[in-house]
C-alpha atoms as a PDB file:
ATOM      1  CA  MET A   1      53.362  29.591 108.304  1.00  0.00           C
ATOM      2  CA  THR A   2      49.883  29.077 109.687  1.00  0.00           C
ATOM      3  CA  ALA A   3      48.770  29.269 113.297  1.00  0.00           C
ATOM      4  CA  GLN A   4      48.060  25.537 113.450  1.00  0.00           C
ATOM      5  CA  PRO A   5      51.118  24.747 115.697  1.00  0.00           C
ATOM      6  CA  LEU A   6      49.884  27.317 118.226  1.00  0.00           C
ATOM      7  CA  ILE A   7      46.354  25.849 118.061  1.00  0.00           C
ATOM      8  CA  ASP A   8      47.636  22.377 118.605  1.00  0.00           C
ATOM      9  CA  ALA A   9      49.801  23.474 121.516  1.00  0.00           C
ATOM     10  CA  ALA A  10      46.990  25.379 123.150  1.00  0.00           C
ATOM     11  CA  ARG A  11      44.710  22.307 122.963  1.00  0.00           C
ATOM     12  CA  SER A  12      47.451  20.157 124.485  1.00  0.00           C
ATOM     13  CA  LEU A  13      48.062  22.693 127.265  1.00  0.00           C
ATOM     14  CA  SER A  14      44.297  22.983 127.984  1.00  0.00           C
ATOM     15  CA  ALA A  15      43.937  19.177 128.332  1.00  0.00           C
ATOM     16  CA  ARG A  16      46.952  18.961 130.668  1.00  0.00           C
ATOM     17  CA  VAL A  17      45.925  21.690 133.079  1.00  0.00           C
ATOM     18  CA  ASP A  18      42.297  20.725 132.974  1.00  0.00           C
ATOM     19  CA  ALA A  19      43.235  17.389 134.677  1.00  0.00           C
ATOM     20  CA  MET A  20      44.959  19.168 137.590  1.00  0.00           C
ATOM     21  CA  ARG A  21      43.223  19.669 140.947  1.00  0.00           C
ATOM     22  CA  PHE A  22      43.943  22.365 143.504  1.00  0.00           C
ATOM     23  CA  ALA A  23      43.311  22.301 147.285  1.00  0.00           C
ATOM     24  CA  PRO A  24      41.802  25.137 149.471  1.00  0.00           C
ATOM     25  CA  PRO A  25      42.118  28.000 149.724  1.00  0.00           C
ATOM     26  CA  VAL A  26      41.440  27.684 145.947  1.00  0.00           C
ATOM     27  CA  SER A  27      37.647  27.434 145.666  1.00  0.00           C
ATOM     28  CA  HIS A  28      37.221  27.572 141.857  1.00  0.00           C
ATOM     29  CA  VAL A  29      39.480  27.121 138.831  1.00  0.00           C
ATOM     30  CA  TYR A  30      38.540  28.469 135.415  1.00  0.00           C
ATOM     31  CA  ASN A  31      40.077  27.128 132.219  1.00  0.00           C
ATOM     32  CA  PRO A  32      38.991  29.513 129.461  1.00  0.00           C
ATOM     33  CA  LEU A  33      41.022  27.429 126.854  1.00  0.00           C
ATOM     34  CA  ASP A  34      38.059  24.928 127.382  1.00  0.00           C
ATOM     35  CA  TYR A  35      34.819  26.929 127.680  1.00  0.00           C
ATOM     36  CA  ALA A  36      35.972  29.914 125.570  1.00  0.00           C
ATOM     37  CA  TRP A  37      38.040  27.869 123.027  1.00  0.00           C
ATOM     38  CA  ALA A  38      36.149  29.112 119.960  1.00  0.00           C
ATOM     39  CA  VAL A  39      37.276  32.795 120.678  1.00  0.00           C
ATOM     40  CA  HIS A  40      40.769  31.710 121.695  1.00  0.00           C
ATOM     41  CA  GLN A  41      41.144  29.652 118.486  1.00  0.00           C
ATOM     42  CA  ARG A  42      39.961  32.608 116.463  1.00  0.00           C
ATOM     43  CA  TYR A  43      42.542  34.810 118.223  1.00  0.00           C
ATOM     44  CA  LEU A  44      45.285  32.431 117.221  1.00  0.00           C
ATOM     45  CA  GLU A  45      44.030  31.971 113.644  1.00  0.00           C
ATOM     46  CA  ARG A  46      43.826  35.730 113.082  1.00  0.00           C
ATOM     47  CA  PHE A  47      47.032  36.802 114.768  1.00  0.00           C
ATOM     48  CA  GLY A  48      49.353  33.800 115.448  1.00  0.00           C
ATOM     49  CA  SER A  49      50.731  33.059 112.038  1.00  0.00           C
ATOM     50  CA  GLY A  50      54.173  34.015 110.781  1.00  0.00           C
ATOM     51  CA  ARG A  51      57.322  35.040 112.670  1.00  0.00           C
ATOM     52  CA  LYS A  52      57.099  37.709 115.379  1.00  0.00           C
ATOM     53  CA  ARG A  53      59.886  39.957 116.586  1.00  0.00           C
ATOM     54  CA  VAL A  54      58.410  40.399 120.098  1.00  0.00           C
ATOM     55  CA  VAL A  55      56.287  38.119 122.233  1.00  0.00           C
ATOM     56  CA  PHE A  56      54.655  39.679 125.295  1.00  0.00           C
ATOM     57  CA  VAL A  57      53.914  37.168 128.065  1.00  0.00           C
ATOM     58  CA  GLY A  58      51.394  37.843 130.873  1.00  0.00           C
ATOM     59  CA  MET A  59      50.774  35.894 133.965  1.00  0.00           C
ATOM     60  CA  ASN A  60      47.258  34.360 133.816  1.00  0.00           C
ATOM     61  CA  PRO A  61      43.720  35.292 133.000  1.00  0.00           C
ATOM     62  CA  GLY A  62      42.065  38.226 134.794  1.00  0.00           C
ATOM     63  CA  PRO A  63      38.447  37.636 135.972  1.00  0.00           C
ATOM     64  CA  PHE A  64      36.937  40.195 133.602  1.00  0.00           C
ATOM     65  CA  GLY A  65      39.224  39.576 130.588  1.00  0.00           C
ATOM     66  CA  MET A  66      40.567  36.261 129.452  1.00  0.00           C
ATOM     67  CA  ALA A  67      38.412  34.397 132.056  1.00  0.00           C
ATOM     68  CA  GLN A  68      35.388  35.772 130.187  1.00  0.00           C
ATOM     69  CA  ILE A  69      36.333  35.371 126.512  1.00  0.00           C
ATOM     70  CA  GLY A  70      39.554  33.404 126.246  1.00  0.00           C
ATOM     71  CA  VAL A  71      41.683  36.249 124.850  1.00  0.00           C
ATOM     72  CA  PRO A  72      44.850  37.290 126.727  1.00  0.00           C
ATOM     73  CA  PHE A  73      44.207  40.587 128.518  1.00  0.00           C
ATOM     74  CA  GLY A  74      40.796  40.371 126.877  1.00  0.00           C
ATOM     75  CA  GLU A  75      39.063  43.472 127.876  1.00  0.00           C
ATOM     76  CA  ILE A  76      35.720  43.122 126.227  1.00  0.00           C
ATOM     77  CA  ALA A  77      35.566  46.325 124.147  1.00  0.00           C
ATOM     78  CA  SER A  78      39.200  45.959 122.934  1.00  0.00           C
ATOM     79  CA  ALA A  79      38.781  42.320 121.944  1.00  0.00           C
ATOM     80  CA  ARG A  80      35.423  42.972 120.168  1.00  0.00           C
ATOM     81  CA  ASP A  81      35.896  46.396 118.607  1.00  0.00           C
ATOM     82  CA  TRP A  82      39.666  46.601 117.920  1.00  0.00           C
ATOM     83  CA  LEU A  83      40.710  42.904 117.567  1.00  0.00           C
ATOM     84  CA  GLY A  84      37.441  42.099 115.849  1.00  0.00           C
ATOM     85  CA  LEU A  85      36.905  38.911 117.827  1.00  0.00           C
ATOM     86  CA  GLU A  86      33.595  37.138 118.533  1.00  0.00           C
ATOM     87  CA  GLY A  87      32.270  33.692 119.215  1.00  0.00           C
ATOM     88  CA  PRO A  88      30.282  31.587 121.665  1.00  0.00           C
ATOM     89  CA  VAL A  89      31.429  31.155 125.313  1.00  0.00           C
ATOM     90  CA  GLY A  90      30.318  28.318 127.439  1.00  0.00           C
ATOM     91  CA  GLN A  91      30.695  27.886 131.226  1.00  0.00           C
ATOM     92  CA  PRO A  92      33.428  26.579 133.487  1.00  0.00           C
ATOM     93  CA  ARG A  93      33.123  23.079 134.992  1.00  0.00           C
ATOM     94  CA  GLU A  94      32.137  24.651 138.306  1.00  0.00           C
ATOM     95  CA  THR A  95      31.027  28.335 138.260  1.00  0.00           C
ATOM     96  CA  ASN A  96      32.032  30.671 141.001  1.00  0.00           C
ATOM     97  CA  PRO A  97      28.803  32.562 141.886  1.00  0.00           C
ATOM     98  CA  LYS A  98      30.942  35.592 142.806  1.00  0.00           C
ATOM     99  CA  ARG A  99      32.644  35.585 139.395  1.00  0.00           C
ATOM    100  CA  PRO A 100      30.077  34.537 136.733  1.00  0.00           C
ATOM    101  CA  VAL A 101      31.230  34.025 133.181  1.00  0.00           C
ATOM    102  CA  GLU A 102      29.097  36.206 130.881  1.00  0.00           C
ATOM    103  CA  GLY A 103      31.351  36.155 127.736  1.00  0.00           C
ATOM    104  CA  PHE A 104      30.985  39.218 125.549  1.00  0.00           C
ATOM    105  CA  ALA A 105      28.064  40.327 127.655  1.00  0.00           C
ATOM    106  CA  CYS A 106      30.289  41.036 130.666  1.00  0.00           C
ATOM    107  CA  ALA A 107      29.813  44.676 131.595  1.00  0.00           C
ATOM    108  CA  ARG A 108      32.905  44.869 133.833  1.00  0.00           C
ATOM    109  CA  SER A 109      36.164  46.252 132.221  1.00  0.00           C
ATOM    110  CA  GLU A 110      39.453  44.472 132.692  1.00  0.00           C
ATOM    111  CA  VAL A 111      41.593  47.528 133.406  1.00  0.00           C
ATOM    112  CA  SER A 112      44.832  45.768 132.548  1.00  0.00           C
ATOM    113  CA  GLY A 113      43.597  44.772 129.171  1.00  0.00           C
ATOM    114  CA  GLN A 114      42.190  48.169 128.557  1.00  0.00           C
ATOM    115  CA  ARG A 115      45.591  49.687 129.187  1.00  0.00           C
ATOM    116  CA  LEU A 116      47.596  47.166 127.307  1.00  0.00           C
ATOM    117  CA  TRP A 117      45.557  46.957 124.133  1.00  0.00           C
ATOM    118  CA  GLY A 118      44.875  50.739 124.324  1.00  0.00           C
ATOM    119  CA  LEU A 119      48.624  51.362 124.174  1.00  0.00           C
ATOM    120  CA  PHE A 120      49.012  49.064 121.123  1.00  0.00           C
ATOM    121  CA  ARG A 121      46.013  50.710 119.388  1.00  0.00           C
ATOM    122  CA  THR A 122      47.354  54.227 120.020  1.00  0.00           C
ATOM    123  CA  ARG A 123      50.816  53.347 118.733  1.00  0.00           C
ATOM    124  CA  PHE A 124      49.991  51.019 115.788  1.00  0.00           C
ATOM    125  CA  GLY A 125      46.462  52.003 114.704  1.00  0.00           C
ATOM    126  CA  THR A 126      45.355  48.623 113.525  1.00  0.00           C
ATOM    127  CA  PRO A 127      45.678  45.041 114.876  1.00  0.00           C
ATOM    128  CA  GLU A 128      47.380  44.016 111.650  1.00  0.00           C
ATOM    129  CA  ALA A 129      50.131  46.609 112.122  1.00  0.00           C
ATOM    130  CA  PHE A 130      50.695  45.518 115.724  1.00  0.00           C
ATOM    131  CA  PHE A 131      50.647  41.725 115.103  1.00  0.00           C
ATOM    132  CA  ALA A 132      52.928  41.962 112.028  1.00  0.00           C
ATOM    133  CA  GLU A 133      55.824  41.885 114.583  1.00  0.00           C
ATOM    134  CA  HIS A 134      54.242  41.314 117.957  1.00  0.00           C
ATOM    135  CA  PHE A 135      52.178  38.641 119.814  1.00  0.00           C
ATOM    136  CA  VAL A 136      50.515  38.503 123.247  1.00  0.00           C
ATOM    137  CA  ALA A 137      50.137  35.339 125.322  1.00  0.00           C
ATOM    138  CA  ASN A 138      49.508  34.311 128.877  1.00  0.00           C
ATOM    139  CA  TYR A 139      51.978  32.069 130.616  1.00  0.00           C
ATOM    140  CA  CYS A 140      49.296  30.188 132.571  1.00  0.00           C
ATOM    141  CA  PRO A 141      45.829  29.691 131.080  1.00  0.00           C
ATOM    142  CA  LEU A 142      44.023  29.063 134.377  1.00  0.00           C
ATOM    143  CA  ALA A 143      42.287  31.580 136.674  1.00  0.00           C
ATOM    144  CA  PHE A 144      42.158  30.717 140.369  1.00  0.00           C
ATOM    145  CA  PHE A 145      39.686  32.110 142.956  1.00  0.00           C
ATOM    146  CA  GLU A 146      39.369  32.109 146.636  1.00  0.00           C
ATOM    147  CA  GLY A 147      35.763  32.975 146.894  1.00  0.00           C
ATOM    148  CA  GLY A 148      35.496  36.312 145.130  1.00  0.00           C
ATOM    149  CA  ARG A 149      39.224  36.985 145.373  1.00  0.00           C
ATOM    150  CA  ASN A 150      41.610  36.378 142.455  1.00  0.00           C
ATOM    151  CA  LEU A 151      44.581  34.174 143.323  1.00  0.00           C
ATOM    152  CA  THR A 152      47.652  34.289 141.120  1.00  0.00           C
ATOM    153  CA  PRO A 153      49.642  31.177 140.330  1.00  0.00           C
ATOM    154  CA  ASP A 154      52.667  32.299 142.348  1.00  0.00           C
ATOM    155  CA  LYS A 155      50.566  31.983 145.531  1.00  0.00           C
ATOM    156  CA  LEU A 156      49.915  28.229 145.029  1.00  0.00           C
ATOM    157  CA  PRO A 157      51.811  25.719 147.164  1.00  0.00           C
ATOM    158  CA  ALA A 158      54.965  24.496 145.591  1.00  0.00           C
ATOM    159  CA  ALA A 159      53.636  20.950 145.141  1.00  0.00           C
ATOM    160  CA  GLU A 160      50.719  22.307 143.134  1.00  0.00           C
ATOM    161  CA  GLN A 161      52.863  24.803 141.290  1.00  0.00           C
ATOM    162  CA  ARG A 162      55.262  22.200 139.988  1.00  0.00           C
ATOM    163  CA  PRO A 163      53.205  20.302 137.477  1.00  0.00           C
ATOM    164  CA  LEU A 164      51.448  23.460 136.383  1.00  0.00           C
ATOM    165  CA  LEU A 165      54.683  25.347 135.726  1.00  0.00           C
ATOM    166  CA  GLN A 166      56.088  22.343 133.828  1.00  0.00           C
ATOM    167  CA  ALA A 167      53.102  22.261 131.510  1.00  0.00           C
ATOM    168  CA  CYS A 168      53.211  26.085 131.082  1.00  0.00           C
ATOM    169  CA  ASP A 169      56.981  26.039 130.453  1.00  0.00           C
ATOM    170  CA  GLU A 170      56.646  23.435 127.748  1.00  0.00           C
ATOM    171  CA  HIS A 171      53.813  25.345 126.095  1.00  0.00           C
ATOM    172  CA  LEU A 172      55.780  28.573 126.130  1.00  0.00           C
ATOM    173  CA  ARG A 173      58.792  26.812 124.546  1.00  0.00           C
ATOM    174  CA  THR A 174      56.559  25.546 121.772  1.00  0.00           C
ATOM    175  CA  LEU A 175      55.138  29.015 121.228  1.00  0.00           C
ATOM    176  CA  VAL A 176      58.623  30.517 120.968  1.00  0.00           C
ATOM    177  CA  ASP A 177      59.949  27.670 118.761  1.00  0.00           C
ATOM    178  CA  THR A 178      57.034  28.448 116.446  1.00  0.00           C
ATOM    179  CA  LEU A 179      57.080  32.220 116.402  1.00  0.00           C
ATOM    180  CA  GLN A 180      60.894  32.557 116.557  1.00  0.00           C
ATOM    181  CA  PRO A 181      60.999  35.966 118.274  1.00  0.00           C
ATOM    182  CA  GLU A 182      64.024  38.083 119.036  1.00  0.00           C
ATOM    183  CA  TRP A 183      62.539  39.252 122.315  1.00  0.00           C
ATOM    184  CA  VAL A 184      60.219  37.813 124.962  1.00  0.00           C
ATOM    185  CA  ILE A 185      58.941  40.528 127.223  1.00  0.00           C
ATOM    186  CA  GLY A 186      57.318  39.662 130.582  1.00  0.00           C
ATOM    187  CA  ILE A 187      54.309  41.818 131.537  1.00  0.00           C
ATOM    188  CA  GLY A 188      55.377  42.104 135.122  1.00  0.00           C
ATOM    189  CA  ASN A 189      58.233  40.618 137.075  1.00  0.00           C
ATOM    190  CA  TRP A 190      56.833  37.098 137.585  1.00  0.00           C
ATOM    191  CA  ALA A 191      56.103  36.618 133.917  1.00  0.00           C
ATOM    192  CA  GLU A 192      59.615  37.623 133.040  1.00  0.00           C
ATOM    193  CA  LYS A 193      61.070  35.262 135.565  1.00  0.00           C
ATOM    194  CA  ARG A 194      59.010  32.330 134.372  1.00  0.00           C
ATOM    195  CA  ALA A 195      59.905  33.069 130.682  1.00  0.00           C
ATOM    196  CA  SER A 196      63.613  33.459 131.469  1.00  0.00           C
ATOM    197  CA  GLU A 197      63.688  30.143 133.290  1.00  0.00           C
ATOM    198  CA  ALA A 198      61.561  28.236 130.749  1.00  0.00           C
ATOM    199  CA  LEU A 199      63.555  29.557 127.777  1.00  0.00           C
ATOM    200  CA  ALA A 200      67.050  29.623 129.288  1.00  0.00           C
ATOM    201  CA  GLY A 201      69.618  28.692 126.681  1.00  0.00           C
ATOM    202  CA  THR A 202      67.500  29.540 123.666  1.00  0.00           C
ATOM    203  CA  ALA A 203      69.957  30.863 121.136  1.00  0.00           C
ATOM    204  CA  GLY A 204      69.699  34.488 120.316  1.00  0.00           C
ATOM    205  CA  LEU A 205      66.688  35.195 122.492  1.00  0.00           C
ATOM    206  CA  ARG A 206      66.637  38.247 124.663  1.00  0.00           C
ATOM    207  CA  PHE A 207      64.412  39.081 127.631  1.00  0.00           C
ATOM    208  CA  GLY A 208      62.950  42.097 129.153  1.00  0.00           C
ATOM    209  CA  ARG A 209      59.838  43.317 131.093  1.00  0.00           C
ATOM    210  CA  ILE A 210      57.344  46.105 131.237  1.00  0.00           C
ATOM    211  CA  LEU A 211      55.443  47.324 134.233  1.00  0.00           C
ATOM    212  CA  HIS A 212      52.265  45.301 134.746  1.00  0.00           C
ATOM    213  CA  PRO A 213      49.208  47.435 133.908  1.00  0.00           C
ATOM    214  CA  SER A 214      47.094  46.230 136.874  1.00  0.00           C
ATOM    215  CA  PRO A 215      45.205  48.874 138.732  1.00  0.00           C
ATOM    216  CA  ALA A 216      46.570  47.246 141.943  1.00  0.00           C
ATOM    217  CA  SER A 217      50.003  48.724 141.037  1.00  0.00           C
ATOM    218  CA  PRO A 218      50.424  52.384 142.195  1.00  0.00           C
ATOM    219  CA  ALA A 219      53.078  52.819 139.582  1.00  0.00           C
ATOM    220  CA  ALA A 220      50.751  51.660 136.774  1.00  0.00           C
ATOM    221  CA  ASN A 221      48.161  54.167 137.975  1.00  0.00           C
ATOM    222  CA  ARG A 222      50.593  57.013 137.402  1.00  0.00           C
ATOM    223  CA  GLY A 223      50.757  56.815 133.558  1.00  0.00           C
ATOM    224  CA  TRP A 224      51.207  53.173 132.665  1.00  0.00           C
ATOM    225  CA  ALA A 225      51.276  53.691 128.910  1.00  0.00           C
ATOM    226  CA  GLU A 226      54.045  56.241 129.145  1.00  0.00           C
ATOM    227  CA  ALA A 227      56.066  54.054 131.538  1.00  0.00           C
ATOM    228  CA  ALA A 228      55.726  50.929 129.402  1.00  0.00           C
ATOM    229  CA  THR A 229      56.653  52.819 126.232  1.00  0.00           C
ATOM    230  CA  ARG A 230      59.765  54.233 127.885  1.00  0.00           C
ATOM    231  CA  GLN A 231      60.763  50.701 129.009  1.00  0.00           C
ATOM    232  CA  LEU A 232      60.343  49.306 125.413  1.00  0.00           C
ATOM    233  CA  GLN A 233      62.267  52.291 124.013  1.00  0.00           C
ATOM    234  CA  THR A 234      65.174  51.851 126.514  1.00  0.00           C
ATOM    235  CA  LEU A 235      65.373  48.186 125.464  1.00  0.00           C
ATOM    236  CA  GLY A 236      65.551  49.205 121.857  1.00  0.00           C
ATOM    237  CA  ILE A 237      62.401  47.357 120.844  1.00  0.00           C
ATOM    238  CA  TRP A 238      60.371  50.505 119.926  1.00  0.00           C
ATOM    239  CA  ALA A 239      61.829  53.649 118.336  1.00  0.00           C
ATOM    240  CA  ASN A 240      61.664  56.901 120.259  1.00  0.00           C
END
């Protein structure tokens, strides 16, 4: 099975969310599935084919990760040096001067991505070994800003969330229908909640979560890799 169904689904999701508008306090909205499409497509082509046993689902792009290069949790060094990804990156429709898009030239490190991909690199060694049974996606492809501050989708008004969540739910269902995983693991509580609601009733599918690797989480700053590993071992996904 090729990654073409995931590529088609991502294109469709990008078009749907690109047409949405958001009121203040949102000042800027970035859609990396648009301006960083070349890199995202490469990610799907390289790693999105075949069945996966586990799909990890994050919330939405971080300002120095996926918002820069279109790769979920896309810390630059991990995406370039471990995942082997590259490609051109354009600009959002309206650039936030406090959050410029510099693509692979971005010098800031996305700590969440550094931790997530660092754990997978340490445990599996190569991307091929990890992606043989795992995949990583973001539930929502849009990054929201209030000036220089990152806004997460759960902070949007209900009327703005509704069409966004509907589009993201449908995309997630397509992704799971395509990859046929046994497990969907939310990276953080909100992602697990969204996945559980979107995929309720899917036969044989099990849900779990791991601690979000954000540096804003005190628990994540006290040994995130060890905590996430223990959670996955407790669920029976990874061996002790």
